[in-house]
Amino acid sequence: AGVAGVFSSLVALVFLIPSIAVAARRLHDQDKSGWWLLIIFIPLLGALVLLVFMFLEGTKGDNRFGSDPKEGAA
């Protein structure tokens, strides 16, 4: 508790929004909706499924969320 608890809570809050944005972008790369992030609320199984989604390859070429980031200037 005390100062360390307040500091760690602030750090967690600062990293929460960027983490959600990165996870949603990763799902969009696979042509999945960002709403799939809500699967994390299913105990144990939801976290496992989301972890597998994060490691899957994105779709090749364009999808409904935009162009393939790997096809950019290489």
Protein backbone atom coordinates (compact mmCIF):
# COMPACT_ATOMS: atom_id res chain seq x y z
CA ALA A 1 0.00 0.00 0.00
CA GLY A 2 1.05 3.59 0.37
CA VAL A 3 3.09 5.43 -2.24
CA ALA A 4 4.20 2.26 -4.03
CA GLY A 5 0.60 1.14 -4.49
CA VAL A 6 -0.46 4.50 -5.90
CA PHE A 7 2.56 4.59 -8.24
CA SER A 8 1.99 1.08 -9.55
CA SER A 9 -1.70 1.85 -10.11
CA LEU A 10 -0.79 4.94 -12.14
CA VAL A 11 1.72 2.98 -14.22
CA ALA A 12 -0.86 0.27 -14.91
CA LEU A 13 -3.39 2.90 -15.99
CA VAL A 14 -0.87 4.62 -18.29
CA PHE A 15 -0.10 1.34 -20.06
CA LEU A 16 -3.72 0.12 -20.26
CA ILE A 17 -4.94 2.19 -23.22
CA PRO A 18 -1.88 1.62 -25.46
CA SER A 19 -2.05 -2.10 -24.69
CA ILE A 20 -5.69 -2.24 -25.77
CA ALA A 21 -4.84 -0.30 -28.95
CA VAL A 22 -1.99 -2.66 -29.85
CA ALA A 23 -4.13 -5.74 -29.22
CA ALA A 24 -6.98 -4.33 -31.33
CA ARG A 25 -4.53 -3.53 -34.15
CA ARG A 26 -3.18 -7.07 -33.97
CA LEU A 27 -6.71 -8.48 -34.26
CA HIS A 28 -7.41 -6.15 -37.18
CA ASP A 29 -4.32 -7.52 -38.94
CA GLN A 30 -6.07 -10.90 -38.81
CA ASP A 31 -9.36 -9.45 -40.09
CA LYS A 32 -11.01 -9.88 -36.68
CA SER A 33 -12.98 -7.21 -34.87
CA GLY A 34 -11.50 -5.47 -31.83
CA TRP A 35 -14.51 -6.72 -29.91
CA TRP A 36 -12.71 -10.07 -29.67
CA LEU A 37 -10.75 -8.45 -26.82
CA LEU A 38 -13.79 -9.00 -24.61
CA ILE A 39 -13.06 -12.74 -24.70
CA ILE A 40 -10.53 -12.03 -21.95
CA PHE A 41 -13.45 -11.92 -19.48
CA ILE A 42 -13.94 -15.68 -19.85
CA PRO A 43 -11.75 -17.07 -17.07
CA LEU A 44 -8.58 -18.88 -18.21
CA LEU A 45 -9.94 -19.96 -21.60
CA GLY A 46 -10.40 -16.37 -22.81
CA ALA A 47 -6.80 -15.42 -22.02
CA LEU A 48 -5.52 -18.55 -23.74
CA VAL A 49 -7.57 -17.91 -26.90
CA LEU A 50 -6.46 -14.26 -27.02
CA LEU A 51 -2.82 -15.33 -26.58
CA VAL A 52 -3.14 -17.72 -29.53
CA PHE A 53 -4.71 -14.93 -31.62
CA MET A 54 -1.74 -12.67 -30.86
CA PHE A 55 0.69 -15.24 -32.27
CA LEU A 56 -1.26 -16.05 -35.45
CA GLU A 57 -0.12 -14.65 -38.80
CA GLY A 58 -2.14 -11.75 -40.19
CA THR A 59 -4.14 -12.02 -43.39
CA LYS A 60 -2.22 -11.60 -46.63
CA GLY A 61 -3.11 -8.48 -48.61
CA ASP A 62 -5.86 -6.02 -47.84
CA ASN A 63 -8.76 -6.75 -45.52
CA ARG A 64 -11.75 -4.76 -44.29
CA PHE A 65 -9.56 -2.90 -41.77
CA GLY A 66 -6.97 -1.68 -44.25
CA SER A 67 -3.87 -2.74 -46.10
CA ASP A 68 -1.31 -5.32 -45.04
CA PRO A 69 1.41 -3.57 -43.00
CA LYS A 70 4.00 -6.07 -44.25
CA GLU A 71 3.38 -5.01 -47.88
CA GLY A 72 4.59 -1.46 -47.17
CA ALA A 73 7.89 0.02 -48.29
CA ALA A 74 10.31 -2.85 -47.82
